[in-house]
PDB file of N, CA and C in Angstrom:
ATOM      1  N   MET A   1       0.826  -1.187  -0.019  1.00  0.00           N
ATOM      2  CA  MET A   1      -0.025   0.011  -0.005  1.00  0.00           C
ATOM      3  C   MET A   1       0.904   1.231   0.003  1.00  0.00           C
ATOM      4  N   ARG A   2       0.562   2.194  -0.827  1.00  0.00           N
ATOM      5  CA  ARG A   2       1.271   3.474  -0.828  1.00  0.00           C
ATOM      6  C   ARG A   2       0.447   4.514  -0.128  1.00  0.00           C
ATOM      7  N   MET A   3       0.974   5.017   0.994  1.00  0.00           N
ATOM      8  CA  MET A   3       0.243   5.977   1.797  1.00  0.00           C
ATOM      9  C   MET A   3      -0.101   7.204   0.960  1.00  0.00           C
ATOM     10  N   ASP A   4       0.806   7.630   0.086  1.00  0.00           N
ATOM     11  CA  ASP A   4       0.540   8.819  -0.645  1.00  0.00           C
ATOM     12  C   ASP A   4      -0.550   8.663  -1.784  1.00  0.00           C
ATOM     13  N   HIS A   5      -1.086   7.419  -1.857  1.00  0.00           N
ATOM     14  CA  HIS A   5      -2.200   7.174  -2.774  1.00  0.00           C
ATOM     15  C   HIS A   5      -3.440   6.695  -2.030  1.00  0.00           C
ATOM     16  N   CYS A   6      -3.348   6.578  -0.696  1.00  0.00           N
ATOM     17  CA  CYS A   6      -4.436   6.053   0.107  1.00  0.00           C
ATOM     18  C   CYS A   6      -5.507   7.151   0.199  1.00  0.00           C
ATOM     19  N   ILE A   7      -6.751   6.806  -0.012  1.00  0.00           N
ATOM     20  CA  ILE A   7      -7.853   7.791  -0.021  1.00  0.00           C
ATOM     21  C   ILE A   7      -7.963   8.475   1.327  1.00  0.00           C
ATOM     22  N   ALA A   8      -7.846   7.719   2.422  1.00  0.00           N
ATOM     23  CA  ALA A   8      -7.929   8.306   3.738  1.00  0.00           C
ATOM     24  C   ALA A   8      -6.859   9.438   3.891  1.00  0.00           C
ATOM     25  N   TYR A   9      -5.660   9.135   3.529  1.00  0.00           N
ATOM     26  CA  TYR A   9      -4.555  10.057   3.604  1.00  0.00           C
ATOM     27  C   TYR A   9      -4.839  11.266   2.713  1.00  0.00           C
ATOM     28  N   LEU A  10      -5.266  11.023   1.518  1.00  0.00           N
ATOM     29  CA  LEU A  10      -5.529  12.127   0.559  1.00  0.00           C
ATOM     30  C   LEU A  10      -6.655  13.003   1.018  1.00  0.00           C
ATOM     31  N   THR A  11      -7.663  12.460   1.720  1.00  0.00           N
ATOM     32  CA  THR A  11      -8.840  13.272   2.079  1.00  0.00           C
ATOM     33  C   THR A  11      -8.572  14.163   3.306  1.00  0.00           C
ATOM     34  N   TYR A  12      -7.580  13.822   4.152  1.00  0.00           N
ATOM     35  CA  TYR A  12      -7.432  14.679   5.315  1.00  0.00           C
ATOM     36  C   TYR A  12      -5.957  14.978   5.707  1.00  0.00           C
ATOM     37  N   ARG A  13      -4.980  14.370   5.136  1.00  0.00           N
ATOM     38  CA  ARG A  13      -3.623  14.637   5.578  1.00  0.00           C
ATOM     39  C   ARG A  13      -2.681  15.153   4.483  1.00  0.00           C
ATOM     40  N   ALA A  14      -2.943  14.774   3.239  1.00  0.00           N
ATOM     41  CA  ALA A  14      -2.007  15.106   2.165  1.00  0.00           C
ATOM     42  C   ALA A  14      -1.910  16.601   1.956  1.00  0.00           C
ATOM     43  N   GLU A  15      -0.773  17.018   1.395  1.00  0.00           N
ATOM     44  CA  GLU A  15      -0.616  18.455   1.056  1.00  0.00           C
ATOM     45  C   GLU A  15      -1.769  18.876   0.150  1.00  0.00           C
ATOM     46  N   TRP A  16      -2.228  20.080   0.320  1.00  0.00           N
ATOM     47  CA  TRP A  16      -3.341  20.611  -0.446  1.00  0.00           C
ATOM     48  C   TRP A  16      -2.823  21.563  -1.438  1.00  0.00           C
ATOM     49  N   PRO A  17      -3.284  21.631  -2.653  1.00  0.00           N
ATOM     50  CA  PRO A  17      -4.306  20.728  -3.227  1.00  0.00           C
ATOM     51  C   PRO A  17      -3.709  19.410  -3.629  1.00  0.00           C
ATOM     52  N   VAL A  18      -4.559  18.397  -3.606  1.00  0.00           N
ATOM     53  CA  VAL A  18      -4.164  17.042  -4.056  1.00  0.00           C
ATOM     54  C   VAL A  18      -4.016  17.093  -5.550  1.00  0.00           C
ATOM     55  N   ARG A  19      -2.983  16.406  -6.075  1.00  0.00           N
ATOM     56  CA  ARG A  19      -2.762  16.386  -7.530  1.00  0.00           C
ATOM     57  C   ARG A  19      -4.048  15.918  -8.282  1.00  0.00           C
ATOM     58  N   GLU A  20      -4.290  16.516  -9.422  1.00  0.00           N
ATOM     59  CA  GLU A  20      -5.521  16.304 -10.221  1.00  0.00           C
ATOM     60  C   GLU A  20      -5.690  14.812 -10.541  1.00  0.00           C
ATOM     61  N   GLU A  21      -4.670  14.068 -10.898  1.00  0.00           N
ATOM     62  CA  GLU A  21      -4.877  12.644 -11.237  1.00  0.00           C
ATOM     63  C   GLU A  21      -5.308  11.871 -10.013  1.00  0.00           C
ATOM     64  N   LEU A  22      -4.820  12.245  -8.827  1.00  0.00           N
ATOM     65  CA  LEU A  22      -5.228  11.549  -7.606  1.00  0.00           C
ATOM     66  C   LEU A  22      -6.675  11.927  -7.231  1.00  0.00           C
ATOM     67  N   GLN A  23      -7.012  13.211  -7.455  1.00  0.00           N
ATOM     68  CA  GLN A  23      -8.391  13.671  -7.201  1.00  0.00           C
ATOM     69  C   GLN A  23      -9.394  12.878  -7.994  1.00  0.00           C
ATOM     70  N   ARG A  24      -9.053  12.597  -9.289  1.00  0.00           N
ATOM     71  CA  ARG A  24      -9.944  11.810 -10.129  1.00  0.00           C
ATOM     72  C   ARG A  24     -10.111  10.370  -9.550  1.00  0.00           C
ATOM     73  N   ALA A  25      -8.992   9.811  -9.088  1.00  0.00           N
ATOM     74  CA  ALA A  25      -9.007   8.454  -8.569  1.00  0.00           C
ATOM     75  C   ALA A  25      -9.804   8.363  -7.251  1.00  0.00           C
ATOM     76  N   MET A  26      -9.956   9.502  -6.522  1.00  0.00           N
ATOM     77  CA  MET A  26     -10.631   9.471  -5.245  1.00  0.00           C
ATOM     78  C   MET A  26     -12.130   9.338  -5.415  1.00  0.00           C
ATOM     79  N   GLY A  27     -12.660   9.610  -6.627  1.00  0.00           N
ATOM     80  CA  GLY A  27     -14.078   9.405  -6.897  1.00  0.00           C
ATOM     81  C   GLY A  27     -14.928  10.243  -5.943  1.00  0.00           C
ATOM     82  N   SER A  28     -15.953   9.604  -5.333  1.00  0.00           N
ATOM     83  CA  SER A  28     -16.884  10.312  -4.525  1.00  0.00           C
ATOM     84  C   SER A  28     -16.587  10.215  -3.039  1.00  0.00           C
ATOM     85  N   TRP A  29     -15.424   9.764  -2.656  1.00  0.00           N
ATOM     86  CA  TRP A  29     -15.076   9.632  -1.276  1.00  0.00           C
ATOM     87  C   TRP A  29     -14.817  11.040  -0.656  1.00  0.00           C
ATOM     88  N   VAL A  30     -15.413  11.336   0.451  1.00  0.00           N
ATOM     89  CA  VAL A  30     -15.174  12.607   1.144  1.00  0.00           C
ATOM     90  C   VAL A  30     -14.174  12.429   2.276  1.00  0.00           C
ATOM     91  N   TYR A  31     -14.252  11.315   2.952  1.00  0.00           N
ATOM     92  CA  TYR A  31     -13.286  11.028   4.027  1.00  0.00           C
ATOM     93  C   TYR A  31     -12.957   9.562   4.052  1.00  0.00           C
ATOM     94  N   GLY A  32     -11.772   9.238   3.596  1.00  0.00           N
ATOM     95  CA  GLY A  32     -11.344   7.832   3.641  1.00  0.00           C
ATOM     96  C   GLY A  32     -12.235   6.937   2.786  1.00  0.00           C
ATOM     97  N   CYS A  33     -11.842   5.657   2.794  1.00  0.00           N
ATOM     98  CA  CYS A  33     -12.696   4.687   2.078  1.00  0.00           C
ATOM     99  C   CYS A  33     -12.864   3.426   2.899  1.00  0.00           C
ATOM    100  N   ASP A  34     -11.931   3.158   3.748  1.00  0.00           N
ATOM    101  CA  ASP A  34     -11.929   2.011   4.683  1.00  0.00           C
ATOM    102  C   ASP A  34     -11.852   0.645   4.031  1.00  0.00           C
ATOM    103  N   VAL A  35     -11.431   0.594   2.751  1.00  0.00           N
ATOM    104  CA  VAL A  35     -11.250  -0.719   2.129  1.00  0.00           C
ATOM    105  C   VAL A  35     -10.235  -1.538   2.954  1.00  0.00           C
ATOM    106  N   CYS A  36      -9.162  -0.898   3.421  1.00  0.00           N
ATOM    107  CA  CYS A  36      -8.203  -1.616   4.194  1.00  0.00           C
ATOM    108  C   CYS A  36      -8.790  -2.177   5.474  1.00  0.00           C
ATOM    109  N   GLN A  37      -9.762  -1.430   6.096  1.00  0.00           N
ATOM    110  CA  GLN A  37     -10.405  -1.944   7.278  1.00  0.00           C
ATOM    111  C   GLN A  37     -11.370  -3.102   6.951  1.00  0.00           C
ATOM    112  N   SER A  38     -11.975  -3.014   5.788  1.00  0.00           N
ATOM    113  CA  SER A  38     -12.892  -4.127   5.369  1.00  0.00           C
ATOM    114  C   SER A  38     -12.214  -5.423   5.112  1.00  0.00           C
ATOM    115  N   VAL A  39     -10.988  -5.354   4.558  1.00  0.00           N
ATOM    116  CA  VAL A  39     -10.283  -6.600   4.211  1.00  0.00           C
ATOM    117  C   VAL A  39      -9.354  -7.119   5.345  1.00  0.00           C
ATOM    118  N   CYS A  40      -9.168  -6.354   6.401  1.00  0.00           N
ATOM    119  CA  CYS A  40      -8.276  -6.733   7.464  1.00  0.00           C
ATOM    120  C   CYS A  40      -8.899  -7.912   8.215  1.00  0.00           C
ATOM    121  N   PRO A  41      -8.151  -8.996   8.390  1.00  0.00           N
ATOM    122  CA  PRO A  41      -8.673 -10.179   9.067  1.00  0.00           C
ATOM    123  C   PRO A  41      -9.093  -9.869  10.515  1.00  0.00           C
ATOM    124  N   LEU A  42      -8.455  -8.901  11.173  1.00  0.00           N
ATOM    125  CA  LEU A  42      -8.798  -8.595  12.535  1.00  0.00           C
ATOM    126  C   LEU A  42     -10.186  -7.924  12.675  1.00  0.00           C
ATOM    127  N   ASN A  43     -10.709  -7.374  11.585  1.00  0.00           N
ATOM    128  CA  ASN A  43     -11.968  -6.705  11.610  1.00  0.00           C
ATOM    129  C   ASN A  43     -13.142  -7.580  11.181  1.00  0.00           C
ATOM    130  N   GLN A  44     -12.893  -8.791  10.831  1.00  0.00           N
ATOM    131  CA  GLN A  44     -13.958  -9.674  10.337  1.00  0.00           C
ATOM    132  C   GLN A  44     -14.983  -9.915  11.484  1.00  0.00           C
ATOM    133  N   GLY A  45     -16.241  -9.825  11.155  1.00  0.00           N
ATOM    134  CA  GLY A  45     -17.278 -10.058  12.159  1.00  0.00           C
ATOM    135  C   GLY A  45     -17.625  -8.789  12.929  1.00  0.00           C
ATOM    136  N   ARG A  46     -17.038  -7.665  12.558  1.00  0.00           N
ATOM    137  CA  ARG A  46     -17.326  -6.376  13.231  1.00  0.00           C
ATOM    138  C   ARG A  46     -18.454  -5.704  12.430  1.00  0.00           C
ATOM    139  N   TRP A  47     -18.737  -4.426  12.828  1.00  0.00           N
ATOM    140  CA  TRP A  47     -19.817  -3.638  12.184  1.00  0.00           C
ATOM    141  C   TRP A  47     -19.541  -3.544  10.707  1.00  0.00           C
ATOM    142  N   ARG A  48     -20.633  -3.642   9.915  1.00  0.00           N
ATOM    143  CA  ARG A  48     -20.569  -3.503   8.467  1.00  0.00           C
ATOM    144  C   ARG A  48     -21.369  -2.256   8.068  1.00  0.00           C
ATOM    145  N   GLU A  49     -20.986  -1.670   6.907  1.00  0.00           N
ATOM    146  CA  GLU A  49     -21.644  -0.423   6.511  1.00  0.00           C
ATOM    147  C   GLU A  49     -23.139  -0.609   6.173  1.00  0.00           C
ATOM    148  N   ASP A  50     -23.605  -1.832   5.940  1.00  0.00           N
ATOM    149  CA  ASP A  50     -25.016  -1.963   5.636  1.00  0.00           C
ATOM    150  C   ASP A  50     -25.826  -2.195   6.913  1.00  0.00           C
ATOM    151  N   GLU A  51     -25.179  -2.167   8.089  1.00  0.00           N
ATOM    152  CA  GLU A  51     -25.926  -2.273   9.366  1.00  0.00           C
ATOM    153  C   GLU A  51     -26.347  -0.853   9.772  1.00  0.00           C
ATOM    154  N   PRO A  52     -27.436  -0.743  10.502  1.00  0.00           N
ATOM    155  CA  PRO A  52     -27.912   0.563  10.931  1.00  0.00           C
ATOM    156  C   PRO A  52     -26.934   1.255  11.859  1.00  0.00           C
ATOM    157  N   ALA A  53     -26.892   2.579  11.758  1.00  0.00           N
ATOM    158  CA  ALA A  53     -26.066   3.407  12.635  1.00  0.00           C
ATOM    159  C   ALA A  53     -26.975   4.469  13.209  1.00  0.00           C
ATOM    160  N   PRO A  54     -27.806   4.108  14.200  1.00  0.00           N
ATOM    161  CA  PRO A  54     -28.818   5.020  14.712  1.00  0.00           C
ATOM    162  C   PRO A  54     -28.245   6.322  15.232  1.00  0.00           C
ATOM    163  N   TRP A  55     -27.032   6.327  15.729  1.00  0.00           N
ATOM    164  CA  TRP A  55     -26.433   7.567  16.271  1.00  0.00           C
ATOM    165  C   TRP A  55     -26.163   8.587  15.147  1.00  0.00           C
ATOM    166  N   LEU A  56     -26.255   8.210  13.875  1.00  0.00           N
ATOM    167  CA  LEU A  56     -26.056   9.148  12.792  1.00  0.00           C
ATOM    168  C   LEU A  56     -27.327   9.718  12.224  1.00  0.00           C
ATOM    169  N   GLU A  57     -28.444   9.112  12.598  1.00  0.00           N
ATOM    170  CA  GLU A  57     -29.771   9.549  12.001  1.00  0.00           C
ATOM    171  C   GLU A  57     -30.022  11.057  12.171  1.00  0.00           C
ATOM    172  N   ALA A  58     -29.707  11.598  13.329  1.00  0.00           N
ATOM    173  CA  ALA A  58     -30.008  12.996  13.565  1.00  0.00           C
ATOM    174  C   ALA A  58     -29.203  13.960  12.701  1.00  0.00           C
ATOM    175  N   VAL A  59     -28.027  13.537  12.229  1.00  0.00           N
ATOM    176  CA  VAL A  59     -27.183  14.367  11.434  1.00  0.00           C
ATOM    177  C   VAL A  59     -27.118  13.916   9.960  1.00  0.00           C
ATOM    178  N   LYS A  60     -27.852  12.901   9.607  1.00  0.00           N
ATOM    179  CA  LYS A  60     -27.810  12.346   8.303  1.00  0.00           C
ATOM    180  C   LYS A  60     -27.978  13.431   7.174  1.00  0.00           C
ATOM    181  N   PRO A  61     -28.934  14.394   7.299  1.00  0.00           N
ATOM    182  CA  PRO A  61     -29.005  15.436   6.277  1.00  0.00           C
ATOM    183  C   PRO A  61     -27.768  16.276   6.163  1.00  0.00           C
ATOM    184  N   LEU A  62     -27.036  16.448   7.242  1.00  0.00           N
ATOM    185  CA  LEU A  62     -25.824  17.236   7.229  1.00  0.00           C
ATOM    186  C   LEU A  62     -24.668  16.518   6.570  1.00  0.00           C
ATOM    187  N   LEU A  63     -24.769  15.185   6.382  1.00  0.00           N
ATOM    188  CA  LEU A  63     -23.728  14.391   5.799  1.00  0.00           C
ATOM    189  C   LEU A  63     -23.899  14.166   4.272  1.00  0.00           C
ATOM    190  N   GLU A  64     -24.986  14.719   3.740  1.00  0.00           N
ATOM    191  CA  GLU A  64     -25.155  14.679   2.285  1.00  0.00           C
ATOM    192  C   GLU A  64     -24.104  15.535   1.631  1.00  0.00           C
ATOM    193  N   LEU A  65     -23.642  15.193   0.435  1.00  0.00           N
ATOM    194  CA  LEU A  65     -22.595  15.937  -0.209  1.00  0.00           C
ATOM    195  C   LEU A  65     -22.900  17.403  -0.357  1.00  0.00           C
ATOM    196  N   GLU A  66     -24.138  17.690  -0.803  1.00  0.00           N
ATOM    197  CA  GLU A  66     -24.509  19.119  -0.960  1.00  0.00           C
ATOM    198  C   GLU A  66     -24.418  19.915   0.335  1.00  0.00           C
ATOM    199  N   ALA A  67     -24.834  19.282   1.419  1.00  0.00           N
ATOM    200  CA  ALA A  67     -24.788  19.973   2.753  1.00  0.00           C
ATOM    201  C   ALA A  67     -23.309  20.156   3.186  1.00  0.00           C
ATOM    202  N   LEU A  68     -22.522  19.138   3.027  1.00  0.00           N
ATOM    203  CA  LEU A  68     -21.104  19.233   3.385  1.00  0.00           C
ATOM    204  C   LEU A  68     -20.394  20.317   2.581  1.00  0.00           C
ATOM    205  N   ALA A  69     -20.733  20.385   1.273  1.00  0.00           N
ATOM    206  CA  ALA A  69     -20.103  21.367   0.395  1.00  0.00           C
ATOM    207  C   ALA A  69     -20.364  22.814   0.806  1.00  0.00           C
ATOM    208  N   ARG A  70     -21.489  23.034   1.519  1.00  0.00           N
ATOM    209  CA  ARG A  70     -21.859  24.410   1.900  1.00  0.00           C
ATOM    210  C   ARG A  70     -21.784  24.623   3.450  1.00  0.00           C
ATOM    211  N   MET A  71     -21.436  23.617   4.169  1.00  0.00           N
ATOM    212  CA  MET A  71     -21.458  23.674   5.644  1.00  0.00           C
ATOM    213  C   MET A  71     -20.601  24.824   6.240  1.00  0.00           C
ATOM    214  N   ASP A  72     -21.175  25.545   7.155  1.00  0.00           N
ATOM    215  CA  ASP A  72     -20.398  26.582   7.815  1.00  0.00           C
ATOM    216  C   ASP A  72     -19.640  25.986   9.022  1.00  0.00           C
ATOM    217  N   ASP A  73     -18.627  26.657   9.440  1.00  0.00           N
ATOM    218  CA  ASP A  73     -17.718  26.168  10.494  1.00  0.00           C
ATOM    219  C   ASP A  73     -18.478  25.837  11.758  1.00  0.00           C
ATOM    220  N   GLU A  74     -19.426  26.656  12.145  1.00  0.00           N
ATOM    221  CA  GLU A  74     -20.159  26.472  13.410  1.00  0.00           C
ATOM    222  C   GLU A  74     -21.002  25.163  13.360  1.00  0.00           C
ATOM    223  N   THR A  75     -21.670  24.942  12.287  1.00  0.00           N
ATOM    224  CA  THR A  75     -22.443  23.718  12.142  1.00  0.00           C
ATOM    225  C   THR A  75     -21.553  22.475  12.224  1.00  0.00           C
ATOM    226  N   PHE A  76     -20.425  22.558  11.513  1.00  0.00           N
ATOM    227  CA  PHE A  76     -19.503  21.445  11.596  1.00  0.00           C
ATOM    228  C   PHE A  76     -19.038  21.188  13.019  1.00  0.00           C
ATOM    229  N   ARG A  77     -18.599  22.251  13.685  1.00  0.00           N
ATOM    230  CA  ARG A  77     -18.065  22.084  15.035  1.00  0.00           C
ATOM    231  C   ARG A  77     -19.117  21.674  16.096  1.00  0.00           C
ATOM    232  N   ARG A  78     -20.323  22.098  15.924  1.00  0.00           N
ATOM    233  CA  ARG A  78     -21.370  21.862  16.868  1.00  0.00           C
ATOM    234  C   ARG A  78     -22.078  20.540  16.615  1.00  0.00           C
ATOM    235  N   ARG A  79     -22.357  20.171  15.352  1.00  0.00           N
ATOM    236  CA  ARG A  79     -23.174  19.003  15.043  1.00  0.00           C
ATOM    237  C   ARG A  79     -22.438  17.820  14.455  1.00  0.00           C
ATOM    238  N   VAL A  80     -21.417  18.043  13.616  1.00  0.00           N
ATOM    239  CA  VAL A  80     -20.720  16.941  12.945  1.00  0.00           C
ATOM    240  C   VAL A  80     -19.480  16.500  13.698  1.00  0.00           C
ATOM    241  N   TYR A  81     -18.650  17.433  14.072  1.00  0.00           N
ATOM    242  CA  TYR A  81     -17.402  17.069  14.729  1.00  0.00           C
ATOM    243  C   TYR A  81     -17.548  16.165  15.963  1.00  0.00           C
ATOM    244  N   PRO A  82     -18.535  16.421  16.844  1.00  0.00           N
ATOM    245  CA  PRO A  82     -18.653  15.495  17.996  1.00  0.00           C
ATOM    246  C   PRO A  82     -18.825  14.017  17.664  1.00  0.00           C
ATOM    247  N   LEU A  83     -19.396  13.751  16.511  1.00  0.00           N
ATOM    248  CA  LEU A  83     -19.538  12.358  16.048  1.00  0.00           C
ATOM    249  C   LEU A  83     -18.290  11.831  15.340  1.00  0.00           C
ATOM    250  N   PHE A  84     -17.476  12.746  14.813  1.00  0.00           N
ATOM    251  CA  PHE A  84     -16.309  12.380  14.116  1.00  0.00           C
ATOM    252  C   PHE A  84     -15.070  13.045  14.738  1.00  0.00           C
ATOM    253  N   TRP A  85     -14.933  12.920  16.068  1.00  0.00           N
ATOM    254  CA  TRP A  85     -13.920  13.540  16.865  1.00  0.00           C
ATOM    255  C   TRP A  85     -12.520  13.171  16.477  1.00  0.00           C
ATOM    256  N   TYR A  86     -12.357  12.046  15.805  1.00  0.00           N
ATOM    257  CA  TYR A  86     -11.013  11.549  15.410  1.00  0.00           C
ATOM    258  C   TYR A  86     -10.458  12.290  14.172  1.00  0.00           C
ATOM    259  N   ILE A  87     -11.288  13.115  13.571  1.00  0.00           N
ATOM    260  CA  ILE A  87     -10.840  13.903  12.417  1.00  0.00           C
ATOM    261  C   ILE A  87     -10.434  15.256  12.944  1.00  0.00           C
ATOM    262  N   PRO A  88      -9.270  15.792  12.496  1.00  0.00           N
ATOM    263  CA  PRO A  88      -8.867  17.091  13.018  1.00  0.00           C
ATOM    264  C   PRO A  88      -9.994  18.170  12.856  1.00  0.00           C
ATOM    265  N   GLU A  89     -10.272  18.845  13.953  1.00  0.00           N
ATOM    266  CA  GLU A  89     -11.378  19.798  13.992  1.00  0.00           C
ATOM    267  C   GLU A  89     -11.197  20.973  13.000  1.00  0.00           C
ATOM    268  N   ASP A  90      -9.932  21.305  12.723  1.00  0.00           N
ATOM    269  CA  ASP A  90      -9.703  22.431  11.814  1.00  0.00           C
ATOM    270  C   ASP A  90      -9.792  22.089  10.337  1.00  0.00           C
ATOM    271  N   ASN A  91     -10.382  20.907  10.009  1.00  0.00           N
ATOM    272  CA  ASN A  91     -10.435  20.471   8.633  1.00  0.00           C
ATOM    273  C   ASN A  91     -11.796  20.776   7.945  1.00  0.00           C
ATOM    274  N   VAL A  92     -12.529  21.747   8.434  1.00  0.00           N
ATOM    275  CA  VAL A  92     -13.835  22.061   7.850  1.00  0.00           C
ATOM    276  C   VAL A  92     -13.687  22.442   6.367  1.00  0.00           C
ATOM    277  N   ALA A  93     -12.698  23.289   6.053  1.00  0.00           N
ATOM    278  CA  ALA A  93     -12.497  23.716   4.686  1.00  0.00           C
ATOM    279  C   ALA A  93     -12.167  22.484   3.805  1.00  0.00           C
ATOM    280  N   ARG A  94     -11.417  21.570   4.325  1.00  0.00           N
ATOM    281  CA  ARG A  94     -11.050  20.366   3.559  1.00  0.00           C
ATOM    282  C   ARG A  94     -12.299  19.464   3.328  1.00  0.00           C
ATOM    283  N   TRP A  95     -13.182  19.331   4.355  1.00  0.00           N
ATOM    284  CA  TRP A  95     -14.408  18.612   4.169  1.00  0.00           C
ATOM    285  C   TRP A  95     -15.248  19.232   3.057  1.00  0.00           C
ATOM    286  N   ARG A  96     -15.347  20.535   3.054  1.00  0.00           N
ATOM    287  CA  ARG A  96     -16.136  21.267   2.038  1.00  0.00           C
ATOM    288  C   ARG A  96     -15.499  20.941   0.619  1.00  0.00           C
ATOM    289  N   ALA A  97     -14.153  21.095   0.533  1.00  0.00           N
ATOM    290  CA  ALA A  97     -13.505  20.860  -0.745  1.00  0.00           C
ATOM    291  C   ALA A  97     -13.641  19.395  -1.196  1.00  0.00           C
ATOM    292  N   ASN A  98     -13.541  18.455  -0.248  1.00  0.00           N
ATOM    293  CA  ASN A  98     -13.732  17.071  -0.619  1.00  0.00           C
ATOM    294  C   ASN A  98     -15.169  16.782  -1.085  1.00  0.00           C
ATOM    295  N   ALA A  99     -16.129  17.393  -0.448  1.00  0.00           N
ATOM    296  CA  ALA A  99     -17.509  17.218  -0.829  1.00  0.00           C
ATOM    297  C   ALA A  99     -17.745  17.806  -2.258  1.00  0.00           C
ATOM    298  N   LYS A 100     -17.185  18.956  -2.537  1.00  0.00           N
ATOM    299  CA  LYS A 100     -17.300  19.535  -3.920  1.00  0.00           C
ATOM    300  C   LYS A 100     -16.667  18.647  -4.955  1.00  0.00           C
ATOM    301  N   ARG A 101     -15.500  18.080  -4.640  1.00  0.00           N
ATOM    302  CA  ARG A 101     -14.829  17.172  -5.547  1.00  0.00           C
ATOM    303  C   ARG A 101     -15.680  15.949  -5.744  1.00  0.00           C
ATOM    304  N   ALA A 102     -16.252  15.427  -4.668  1.00  0.00           N
ATOM    305  CA  ALA A 102     -17.086  14.214  -4.757  1.00  0.00           C
ATOM    306  C   ALA A 102     -18.335  14.507  -5.631  1.00  0.00           C
ATOM    307  N   LEU A 103     -18.924  15.689  -5.461  1.00  0.00           N
ATOM    308  CA  LEU A 103     -20.075  16.074  -6.281  1.00  0.00           C
ATOM    309  C   LEU A 103     -19.695  16.079  -7.758  1.00  0.00           C
ATOM    310  N   ARG A 104     -18.530  16.655  -8.084  1.00  0.00           N
ATOM    311  CA  ARG A 104     -18.080  16.655  -9.455  1.00  0.00           C
ATOM    312  C   ARG A 104     -17.902  15.260  -9.961  1.00  0.00           C
ATOM    313  N   ALA A 105     -17.347  14.376  -9.118  1.00  0.00           N
ATOM    314  CA  ALA A 105     -17.111  12.995  -9.516  1.00  0.00           C
ATOM    315  C   ALA A 105     -18.441  12.255  -9.788  1.00  0.00           C
ATOM    316  N   CYS A 106     -19.479  12.684  -9.117  1.00  0.00           N
ATOM    317  CA  CYS A 106     -20.797  12.082  -9.269  1.00  0.00           C
ATOM    318  C   CYS A 106     -21.550  12.711 -10.445  1.00  0.00           C
ATOM    319  N   GLY A 107     -20.973  13.819 -11.005  1.00  0.00           N
ATOM    320  CA  GLY A 107     -21.603  14.500 -12.148  1.00  0.00           C
ATOM    321  C   GLY A 107     -22.804  15.316 -11.714  1.00  0.00           C
ATOM    322  N   SER A 108     -22.824  15.755 -10.431  1.00  0.00           N
ATOM    323  CA  SER A 108     -23.952  16.494  -9.893  1.00  0.00           C
ATOM    324  C   SER A 108     -23.977  17.902 -10.455  1.00  0.00           C
ATOM    325  N   ASN A 109     -25.202  18.384 -10.788  1.00  0.00           N
ATOM    326  CA  ASN A 109     -25.388  19.786 -11.108  1.00  0.00           C
ATOM    327  C   ASN A 109     -25.069  20.673  -9.952  1.00  0.00           C
ATOM    328  N   GLU A 110     -25.288  20.169  -8.759  1.00  0.00           N
ATOM    329  CA  GLU A 110     -25.036  20.941  -7.562  1.00  0.00           C
ATOM    330  C   GLU A 110     -23.550  21.306  -7.449  1.00  0.00           C
ATOM    331  N   SER A 111     -22.637  20.468  -7.939  1.00  0.00           N
ATOM    332  CA  SER A 111     -21.220  20.749  -7.849  1.00  0.00           C
ATOM    333  C   SER A 111     -20.837  21.982  -8.636  1.00  0.00           C
ATOM    334  N   ARG A 112     -21.524  22.283  -9.698  1.00  0.00           N
ATOM    335  CA  ARG A 112     -21.208  23.501 -10.483  1.00  0.00           C
ATOM    336  C   ARG A 112     -21.644  24.788  -9.733  1.00  0.00           C
ATOM    337  N   GLN A 113     -22.547  24.602  -8.790  1.00  0.00           N
ATOM    338  CA  GLN A 113     -22.972  25.750  -8.026  1.00  0.00           C
ATOM    339  C   GLN A 113     -22.229  25.938  -6.717  1.00  0.00           C
ATOM    340  N   ALA A 114     -21.718  24.819  -6.185  1.00  0.00           N
ATOM    341  CA  ALA A 114     -21.053  24.791  -4.885  1.00  0.00           C
ATOM    342  C   ALA A 114     -19.679  25.474  -4.926  1.00  0.00           C
TER     343      ALA A 114
END
C-alpha cells in the first residue's frame, strides 16, 4: 500500500491541493474509504456499512454531499465534529473541498454551483 495514494490520507492529511490525477481516482469519497479496514482479518465479524447506525440519524441530512459542500464552520463544530472527533477539527475547509470534488465525480449539477 502506498500511503501517498491512500484515499484516507488524501482526504485529510495530504498536502493541499491534491494532484488532479489523484483527485480523479478518489471518486466520490469525502473522508477515507476504509477498504483496508474491510479486508483486514482482525476486523472480520465487526460492524458493516449496511448495518444501521442510529447515532447518525440526527445528522444524516448534514452528511449529504450538498450539505457538506456548503457547511459553515459552526455547524461542523457543533453538530458533525462531536460524532467524528477523530478527524482534525480544523479540517472544515477540507471537508467542504472534498464534498465539492465528490459532487463533481458524481456528475452532480449541484457541484457546479457549490
